[in-house]
Amino acid sequence: QSAGSLLYPLKFTPTTTLFNAGNDNIDVRIDGDTNDFLFFADANQEQVSIGNNDPLGKFHVTSSNTGVFTILAESNDPDASAAPDVVLWRNSATPSHTSSSGNGDDLGHLRFRGNHAGSDGASSAGAHDYADILAEAKNVVTGSEGGSMRIRTALASEMRDRITMSLTETIFNDARQDFDFRIESTTGSKAIWVDASTNSVAIGHDGTAPKIGFFGTTPIVKPT
């Protein structure tokens, strides 16, 4: 009872067991052997957490154990169907691939986040995203659906595009940063090498001169 009103922290019906049946500000907590918040439902924020009592999103999992999966999706289906499935669904009633900025519906954003500090090994100064993957709807018309994806990493504290997959092309270094592109072979580290800082392309580079290359507008051919 609270302020003269009868509350229902726990209610049993013939078919259901209800926690907080009266939709009151009553949290639900399940303790583990060593964790006081193995499961926690924050009624006021309407958010759920595992391993903490301060969820920062609709569902928040916290683990301090190393060598243990924080999240594991497992399927024991014996047939040949794809499984397990993880789906990020932008379930919009009015999907769109156009906006004032020219962008379509963002379909998902996977962020790889850590902390940053004033110097290496110093005390944490807060959270920072170091890499991410973004997907976007580029054509939502039935029969013509098309999407794009971007892979980015942080450089000088800003996120930069490393690989961009659009409707018609795959672009490396769309951000035009000093990111070289390199393909290794079984015997060489620069079978194909794009030097971003010099606008140069080399094939079969051995550290001194390429077998075939274009440095600026000058072609180079090295006899084998």
C-alpha atoms as a PDB file:
ATOM      1  CA  GLN A   1       0.000   0.000   0.000  1.00  0.00           C
ATOM      2  CA  SER A   2       1.203   3.539  -0.822  1.00  0.00           C
ATOM      3  CA  ALA A   3      -0.532   6.849  -0.070  1.00  0.00           C
ATOM      4  CA  GLY A   4      -3.716   4.993   0.751  1.00  0.00           C
ATOM      5  CA  SER A   5      -3.766   3.082  -2.540  1.00  0.00           C
ATOM      6  CA  LEU A   6      -3.413  -0.649  -2.855  1.00  0.00           C
ATOM      7  CA  LEU A   7      -0.421  -1.663  -5.009  1.00  0.00           C
ATOM      8  CA  TYR A   8       0.144  -4.944  -6.836  1.00  0.00           C
ATOM      9  CA  PRO A   9       3.888  -5.759  -6.764  1.00  0.00           C
ATOM     10  CA  LEU A  10       2.994  -9.385  -7.488  1.00  0.00           C
ATOM     11  CA  LYS A  11      -0.301 -10.736  -8.783  1.00  0.00           C
ATOM     12  CA  PHE A  12      -1.372 -14.239  -9.721  1.00  0.00           C
ATOM     13  CA  THR A  13      -4.156 -14.988 -12.193  1.00  0.00           C
ATOM     14  CA  PRO A  14      -5.262 -18.407 -13.490  1.00  0.00           C
ATOM     15  CA  THR A  15      -3.012 -17.990 -16.545  1.00  0.00           C
ATOM     16  CA  THR A  16      -0.431 -15.314 -15.691  1.00  0.00           C
ATOM     17  CA  THR A  17       2.003 -14.231 -12.997  1.00  0.00           C
ATOM     18  CA  LEU A  18       2.303 -10.440 -13.067  1.00  0.00           C
ATOM     19  CA  PHE A  19       4.982  -8.250 -11.547  1.00  0.00           C
ATOM     20  CA  ASN A  20       3.873  -4.648 -10.957  1.00  0.00           C
ATOM     21  CA  ALA A  21       0.366  -5.372 -12.237  1.00  0.00           C
ATOM     22  CA  GLY A  22      -0.825  -1.885 -11.297  1.00  0.00           C
ATOM     23  CA  ASN A  23       1.740  -0.164 -13.540  1.00  0.00           C
ATOM     24  CA  ASP A  24       3.235   1.628 -10.544  1.00  0.00           C
ATOM     25  CA  ASN A  25       6.805   2.824 -10.035  1.00  0.00           C
ATOM     26  CA  ILE A  26       7.909  -0.510  -8.614  1.00  0.00           C
ATOM     27  CA  ASP A  27      11.183  -1.973  -9.883  1.00  0.00           C
ATOM     28  CA  VAL A  28      11.732  -5.711 -10.305  1.00  0.00           C
ATOM     29  CA  ARG A  29      15.056  -7.245  -9.240  1.00  0.00           C
ATOM     30  CA  ILE A  30      16.475 -10.759  -9.274  1.00  0.00           C
ATOM     31  CA  ASP A  31      19.716 -11.368  -7.382  1.00  0.00           C
ATOM     32  CA  GLY A  32      22.399 -13.823  -8.382  1.00  0.00           C
ATOM     33  CA  ASP A  33      24.945 -15.594  -6.220  1.00  0.00           C
ATOM     34  CA  THR A  34      27.338 -12.629  -6.274  1.00  0.00           C
ATOM     35  CA  ASN A  35      25.468 -10.025  -8.332  1.00  0.00           C
ATOM     36  CA  ASP A  36      22.666  -8.083  -6.665  1.00  0.00           C
ATOM     37  CA  PHE A  37      21.286  -7.078 -10.059  1.00  0.00           C
ATOM     38  CA  LEU A  38      21.442 -10.233 -12.139  1.00  0.00           C
ATOM     39  CA  PHE A  39      18.146  -8.976 -13.630  1.00  0.00           C
ATOM     40  CA  PHE A  40      16.699  -5.503 -13.105  1.00  0.00           C
ATOM     41  CA  ALA A  41      13.582  -3.828 -14.538  1.00  0.00           C
ATOM     42  CA  ASP A  42      13.477  -0.060 -13.985  1.00  0.00           C
ATOM     43  CA  ALA A  43       9.773   0.820 -13.843  1.00  0.00           C
ATOM     44  CA  ASN A  44      10.285   4.588 -13.941  1.00  0.00           C
ATOM     45  CA  GLN A  45      12.579   4.502 -17.012  1.00  0.00           C
ATOM     46  CA  GLU A  46      10.803   1.471 -18.491  1.00  0.00           C
ATOM     47  CA  GLN A  47      14.159  -0.137 -19.237  1.00  0.00           C
ATOM     48  CA  VAL A  48      15.662  -3.538 -18.453  1.00  0.00           C
ATOM     49  CA  SER A  49      19.218  -4.464 -17.524  1.00  0.00           C
ATOM     50  CA  ILE A  50      21.277  -7.527 -16.726  1.00  0.00           C
ATOM     51  CA  GLY A  51      24.228  -7.100 -14.392  1.00  0.00           C
ATOM     52  CA  ASN A  52      23.538  -3.485 -13.391  1.00  0.00           C
ATOM     53  CA  ASN A  53      20.867  -1.269 -11.830  1.00  0.00           C
ATOM     54  CA  ASP A  54      21.231   1.738 -14.147  1.00  0.00           C
ATOM     55  CA  PRO A  55      20.220   0.734 -17.684  1.00  0.00           C
ATOM     56  CA  LEU A  56      21.326   3.254 -20.321  1.00  0.00           C
ATOM     57  CA  GLY A  57      19.025   1.883 -23.018  1.00  0.00           C
ATOM     58  CA  LYS A  58      15.919  -0.227 -23.470  1.00  0.00           C
ATOM     59  CA  PHE A  59      18.073  -3.311 -22.788  1.00  0.00           C
ATOM     60  CA  HIS A  60      21.508  -3.013 -21.168  1.00  0.00           C
ATOM     61  CA  VAL A  61      23.855  -5.918 -20.390  1.00  0.00           C
ATOM     62  CA  THR A  62      26.918  -5.463 -18.172  1.00  0.00           C
ATOM     63  CA  SER A  63      29.599  -8.110 -17.588  1.00  0.00           C
ATOM     64  CA  SER A  64      32.995  -7.901 -15.901  1.00  0.00           C
ATOM     65  CA  ASN A  65      33.978 -11.504 -16.680  1.00  0.00           C
ATOM     66  CA  THR A  66      36.679 -12.223 -19.251  1.00  0.00           C
ATOM     67  CA  GLY A  67      36.500 -15.374 -21.347  1.00  0.00           C
ATOM     68  CA  VAL A  68      32.712 -15.462 -20.991  1.00  0.00           C
ATOM     69  CA  PHE A  69      30.290 -14.411 -23.735  1.00  0.00           C
ATOM     70  CA  THR A  70      28.430 -11.217 -22.866  1.00  0.00           C
ATOM     71  CA  ILE A  71      25.767 -12.161 -25.431  1.00  0.00           C
ATOM     72  CA  LEU A  72      25.465 -15.544 -27.153  1.00  0.00           C
ATOM     73  CA  ALA A  73      22.902 -16.431 -29.818  1.00  0.00           C
ATOM     74  CA  GLU A  74      22.694 -20.201 -30.322  1.00  0.00           C
ATOM     75  CA  SER A  75      20.537 -22.368 -32.571  1.00  0.00           C
ATOM     76  CA  ASN A  76      20.279 -26.167 -32.409  1.00  0.00           C
ATOM     77  CA  ASP A  77      18.115 -26.422 -35.541  1.00  0.00           C
ATOM     78  CA  PRO A  78      19.408 -29.516 -37.432  1.00  0.00           C
ATOM     79  CA  ASP A  79      18.247 -28.528 -40.937  1.00  0.00           C
ATOM     80  CA  ALA A  80      20.104 -26.473 -43.543  1.00  0.00           C
ATOM     81  CA  SER A  81      18.321 -23.174 -42.889  1.00  0.00           C
ATOM     82  CA  ALA A  82      20.391 -20.156 -41.888  1.00  0.00           C
ATOM     83  CA  ALA A  83      20.510 -19.869 -38.103  1.00  0.00           C
ATOM     84  CA  PRO A  84      20.906 -18.255 -35.677  1.00  0.00           C
ATOM     85  CA  ASP A  85      19.622 -14.989 -37.106  1.00  0.00           C
ATOM     86  CA  VAL A  86      20.261 -11.517 -35.696  1.00  0.00           C
ATOM     87  CA  VAL A  87      18.008  -8.857 -37.238  1.00  0.00           C
ATOM     88  CA  LEU A  88      18.147  -5.075 -36.994  1.00  0.00           C
ATOM     89  CA  TRP A  89      14.719  -3.967 -38.248  1.00  0.00           C
ATOM     90  CA  ARG A  90      13.771  -0.359 -38.949  1.00  0.00           C
ATOM     91  CA  ASN A  91      10.032  -1.068 -38.851  1.00  0.00           C
ATOM     92  CA  SER A  92       8.817   2.242 -40.270  1.00  0.00           C
ATOM     93  CA  ALA A  93       5.195   2.693 -41.308  1.00  0.00           C
ATOM     94  CA  THR A  94       6.378   5.152 -43.977  1.00  0.00           C
ATOM     95  CA  PRO A  95       9.795   3.973 -45.246  1.00  0.00           C
ATOM     96  CA  SER A  96      11.711   6.563 -47.239  1.00  0.00           C
ATOM     97  CA  HIS A  97      14.965   6.835 -49.158  1.00  0.00           C
ATOM     98  CA  THR A  98      14.785  10.616 -49.538  1.00  0.00           C
ATOM     99  CA  SER A  99      15.057  13.490 -47.088  1.00  0.00           C
ATOM    100  CA  SER A 100      16.134  17.117 -47.039  1.00  0.00           C
ATOM    101  CA  SER A 101      19.735  15.936 -46.582  1.00  0.00           C
ATOM    102  CA  GLY A 102      19.468  13.357 -49.387  1.00  0.00           C
ATOM    103  CA  ASN A 103      19.735  10.422 -46.982  1.00  0.00           C
ATOM    104  CA  GLY A 104      17.324   7.529 -46.572  1.00  0.00           C
ATOM    105  CA  ASP A 105      16.148   5.705 -43.464  1.00  0.00           C
ATOM    106  CA  ASP A 106      19.054   4.633 -41.262  1.00  0.00           C
ATOM    107  CA  LEU A 107      18.624   0.880 -40.820  1.00  0.00           C
ATOM    108  CA  GLY A 108      21.122   0.254 -38.043  1.00  0.00           C
ATOM    109  CA  HIS A 109      24.259   1.567 -36.399  1.00  0.00           C
ATOM    110  CA  LEU A 110      26.747  -0.821 -34.810  1.00  0.00           C
ATOM    111  CA  ARG A 111      29.253   1.081 -32.648  1.00  0.00           C
ATOM    112  CA  PHE A 112      32.548  -0.175 -31.204  1.00  0.00           C
ATOM    113  CA  ARG A 113      33.065   1.964 -28.102  1.00  0.00           C
ATOM    114  CA  GLY A 114      35.814   2.303 -25.534  1.00  0.00           C
ATOM    115  CA  ASN A 115      37.074   4.988 -23.191  1.00  0.00           C
ATOM    116  CA  HIS A 116      39.617   7.729 -23.834  1.00  0.00           C
ATOM    117  CA  ALA A 117      42.103   9.454 -21.541  1.00  0.00           C
ATOM    118  CA  GLY A 118      44.470  12.431 -21.454  1.00  0.00           C
ATOM    119  CA  SER A 119      47.419  10.082 -22.016  1.00  0.00           C
ATOM    120  CA  ASP A 120      48.022   6.374 -22.534  1.00  0.00           C
ATOM    121  CA  GLY A 121      47.128   4.503 -19.352  1.00  0.00           C
ATOM    122  CA  ALA A 122      45.735   7.568 -17.551  1.00  0.00           C
ATOM    123  CA  SER A 123      42.341   7.715 -15.858  1.00  0.00           C
ATOM    124  CA  SER A 124      39.338   7.482 -18.152  1.00  0.00           C
ATOM    125  CA  ALA A 125      37.924  10.752 -19.454  1.00  0.00           C
ATOM    126  CA  GLY A 126      34.732   9.157 -20.759  1.00  0.00           C
ATOM    127  CA  ALA A 127      33.448   7.089 -23.668  1.00  0.00           C
ATOM    128  CA  HIS A 128      34.456   7.390 -27.306  1.00  0.00           C
ATOM    129  CA  ASP A 129      33.490   5.497 -30.486  1.00  0.00           C
ATOM    130  CA  TYR A 130      36.529   4.013 -32.266  1.00  0.00           C
ATOM    131  CA  ALA A 131      34.779   2.259 -35.175  1.00  0.00           C
ATOM    132  CA  ASP A 132      31.280   1.720 -36.507  1.00  0.00           C
ATOM    133  CA  ILE A 133      29.163   0.141 -39.241  1.00  0.00           C
ATOM    134  CA  LEU A 134      26.134   1.937 -40.658  1.00  0.00           C
ATOM    135  CA  ALA A 135      23.397   0.751 -43.040  1.00  0.00           C
ATOM    136  CA  GLU A 136      20.930   2.940 -44.921  1.00  0.00           C
ATOM    137  CA  ALA A 137      17.964   2.458 -47.233  1.00  0.00           C
ATOM    138  CA  LYS A 138      18.707   3.953 -50.649  1.00  0.00           C
ATOM    139  CA  ASN A 139      15.631   2.739 -52.533  1.00  0.00           C
ATOM    140  CA  VAL A 140      12.506   1.538 -50.718  1.00  0.00           C
ATOM    141  CA  VAL A 141      10.275   1.094 -53.801  1.00  0.00           C
ATOM    142  CA  THR A 142       8.926  -2.463 -54.034  1.00  0.00           C
ATOM    143  CA  GLY A 143      10.893  -4.447 -56.597  1.00  0.00           C
ATOM    144  CA  SER A 144      13.735  -1.907 -56.650  1.00  0.00           C
ATOM    145  CA  GLU A 145      14.923  -2.102 -53.036  1.00  0.00           C
ATOM    146  CA  GLY A 146      18.544  -1.110 -52.541  1.00  0.00           C
ATOM    147  CA  GLY A 147      20.772  -0.239 -49.622  1.00  0.00           C
ATOM    148  CA  SER A 148      24.176   1.116 -48.687  1.00  0.00           C
ATOM    149  CA  MET A 149      26.692   0.346 -45.955  1.00  0.00           C
ATOM    150  CA  ARG A 150      29.633   2.248 -44.494  1.00  0.00           C
ATOM    151  CA  ILE A 151      32.534   1.038 -42.360  1.00  0.00           C
ATOM    152  CA  ARG A 152      34.322   3.793 -40.467  1.00  0.00           C
ATOM    153  CA  THR A 153      37.169   4.164 -37.971  1.00  0.00           C
ATOM    154  CA  ALA A 154      38.235   7.067 -35.792  1.00  0.00           C
ATOM    155  CA  LEU A 155      41.154   9.265 -36.862  1.00  0.00           C
ATOM    156  CA  ALA A 156      42.168  12.382 -34.927  1.00  0.00           C
ATOM    157  CA  SER A 157      38.990  11.944 -32.844  1.00  0.00           C
ATOM    158  CA  GLU A 158      36.639  11.967 -35.878  1.00  0.00           C
ATOM    159  CA  MET A 159      34.930   9.081 -37.649  1.00  0.00           C
ATOM    160  CA  ARG A 160      36.282   8.574 -41.199  1.00  0.00           C
ATOM    161  CA  ASP A 161      34.891   6.406 -43.985  1.00  0.00           C
ATOM    162  CA  ARG A 162      37.150   3.441 -44.800  1.00  0.00           C
ATOM    163  CA  ILE A 163      34.801   1.355 -46.987  1.00  0.00           C
ATOM    164  CA  THR A 164      31.577   2.665 -48.535  1.00  0.00           C
ATOM    165  CA  MET A 165      29.201   0.368 -50.433  1.00  0.00           C
ATOM    166  CA  SER A 166      26.630   2.382 -52.381  1.00  0.00           C
ATOM    167  CA  LEU A 167      24.015   1.322 -54.902  1.00  0.00           C
ATOM    168  CA  THR A 168      26.487   1.377 -57.794  1.00  0.00           C
ATOM    169  CA  GLU A 169      30.039   1.177 -56.422  1.00  0.00           C
ATOM    170  CA  THR A 170      32.361   0.158 -53.597  1.00  0.00           C
ATOM    171  CA  ILE A 171      34.627   2.991 -52.486  1.00  0.00           C
ATOM    172  CA  PHE A 172      37.741   2.759 -50.353  1.00  0.00           C
ATOM    173  CA  ASN A 173      38.758   5.926 -48.478  1.00  0.00           C
ATOM    174  CA  ASP A 174      35.723   7.987 -49.480  1.00  0.00           C
ATOM    175  CA  ALA A 175      36.763  10.446 -46.748  1.00  0.00           C
ATOM    176  CA  ARG A 176      39.969  11.221 -48.745  1.00  0.00           C
ATOM    177  CA  GLN A 177      42.261  10.709 -45.780  1.00  0.00           C
ATOM    178  CA  ASP A 178      45.870   9.484 -45.766  1.00  0.00           C
ATOM    179  CA  PHE A 179      44.800   5.820 -45.764  1.00  0.00           C
ATOM    180  CA  ASP A 180      46.879   3.563 -48.016  1.00  0.00           C
ATOM    181  CA  PHE A 181      45.315   0.511 -49.666  1.00  0.00           C
ATOM    182  CA  ARG A 182      47.371  -2.655 -49.848  1.00  0.00           C
ATOM    183  CA  ILE A 183      46.856  -6.243 -51.056  1.00  0.00           C
ATOM    184  CA  GLU A 184      49.423  -8.883 -50.087  1.00  0.00           C
ATOM    185  CA  SER A 185      50.461 -11.942 -52.079  1.00  0.00           C
ATOM    186  CA  THR A 186      52.140 -15.118 -50.836  1.00  0.00           C
ATOM    187  CA  THR A 187      55.587 -13.529 -51.254  1.00  0.00           C
ATOM    188  CA  GLY A 188      55.033  -9.777 -51.182  1.00  0.00           C
ATOM    189  CA  SER A 189      53.417  -7.278 -48.848  1.00  0.00           C
ATOM    190  CA  LYS A 190      52.479  -4.888 -51.686  1.00  0.00           C
ATOM    191  CA  ALA A 191      51.147  -6.933 -54.583  1.00  0.00           C
ATOM    192  CA  ILE A 192      48.834  -3.960 -55.146  1.00  0.00           C
ATOM    193  CA  TRP A 193      49.482  -0.717 -53.315  1.00  0.00           C
ATOM    194  CA  VAL A 194      47.697   2.628 -53.413  1.00  0.00           C
ATOM    195  CA  ASP A 195      49.689   5.363 -51.676  1.00  0.00           C
ATOM    196  CA  ALA A 196      47.140   7.975 -50.623  1.00  0.00           C
ATOM    197  CA  SER A 197      49.680  10.669 -49.748  1.00  0.00           C
ATOM    198  CA  THR A 198      51.303  10.640 -53.216  1.00  0.00           C
ATOM    199  CA  ASN A 199      48.273   9.644 -55.339  1.00  0.00           C
ATOM    200  CA  SER A 200      50.292   6.660 -56.566  1.00  0.00           C
ATOM    201  CA  VAL A 201      49.361   3.129 -57.598  1.00  0.00           C
ATOM    202  CA  ALA A 202      51.893   0.295 -57.744  1.00  0.00           C
ATOM    203  CA  ILE A 203      51.754  -3.391 -58.646  1.00  0.00           C
ATOM    204  CA  GLY A 204      54.434  -5.740 -57.353  1.00  0.00           C
ATOM    205  CA  HIS A 205      56.199  -3.131 -55.225  1.00  0.00           C
ATOM    206  CA  ASP A 206      59.395  -4.511 -53.664  1.00  0.00           C
ATOM    207  CA  GLY A 207      60.359  -1.530 -51.515  1.00  0.00           C
ATOM    208  CA  THR A 208      62.430   0.278 -54.145  1.00  0.00           C
ATOM    209  CA  ALA A 209      60.371   0.501 -57.334  1.00  0.00           C
ATOM    210  CA  PRO A 210      57.197  -1.172 -58.591  1.00  0.00           C
ATOM    211  CA  LYS A 211      57.075  -3.580 -61.497  1.00  0.00           C
ATOM    212  CA  ILE A 212      54.165  -1.559 -62.884  1.00  0.00           C
ATOM    213  CA  GLY A 213      53.040   1.698 -61.417  1.00  0.00           C
ATOM    214  CA  PHE A 214      51.601   5.154 -61.886  1.00  0.00           C
ATOM    215  CA  PHE A 215      53.111   7.876 -59.747  1.00  0.00           C
ATOM    216  CA  GLY A 216      51.085  10.991 -60.406  1.00  0.00           C
ATOM    217  CA  THR A 217      50.784  10.897 -64.217  1.00  0.00           C
ATOM    218  CA  THR A 218      54.100   9.101 -64.856  1.00  0.00           C
ATOM    219  CA  PRO A 219      53.884   5.403 -65.708  1.00  0.00           C
ATOM    220  CA  ILE A 220      56.725   3.158 -64.529  1.00  0.00           C
ATOM    221  CA  VAL A 221      57.477  -0.334 -65.823  1.00  0.00           C
ATOM    222  CA  LYS A 222      60.221  -2.370 -64.147  1.00  0.00           C
ATOM    223  CA  PRO A 223      61.568  -5.362 -66.122  1.00  0.00           C
ATOM    224  CA  THR A 224      61.280  -8.689 -64.362  1.00  0.00           C
END
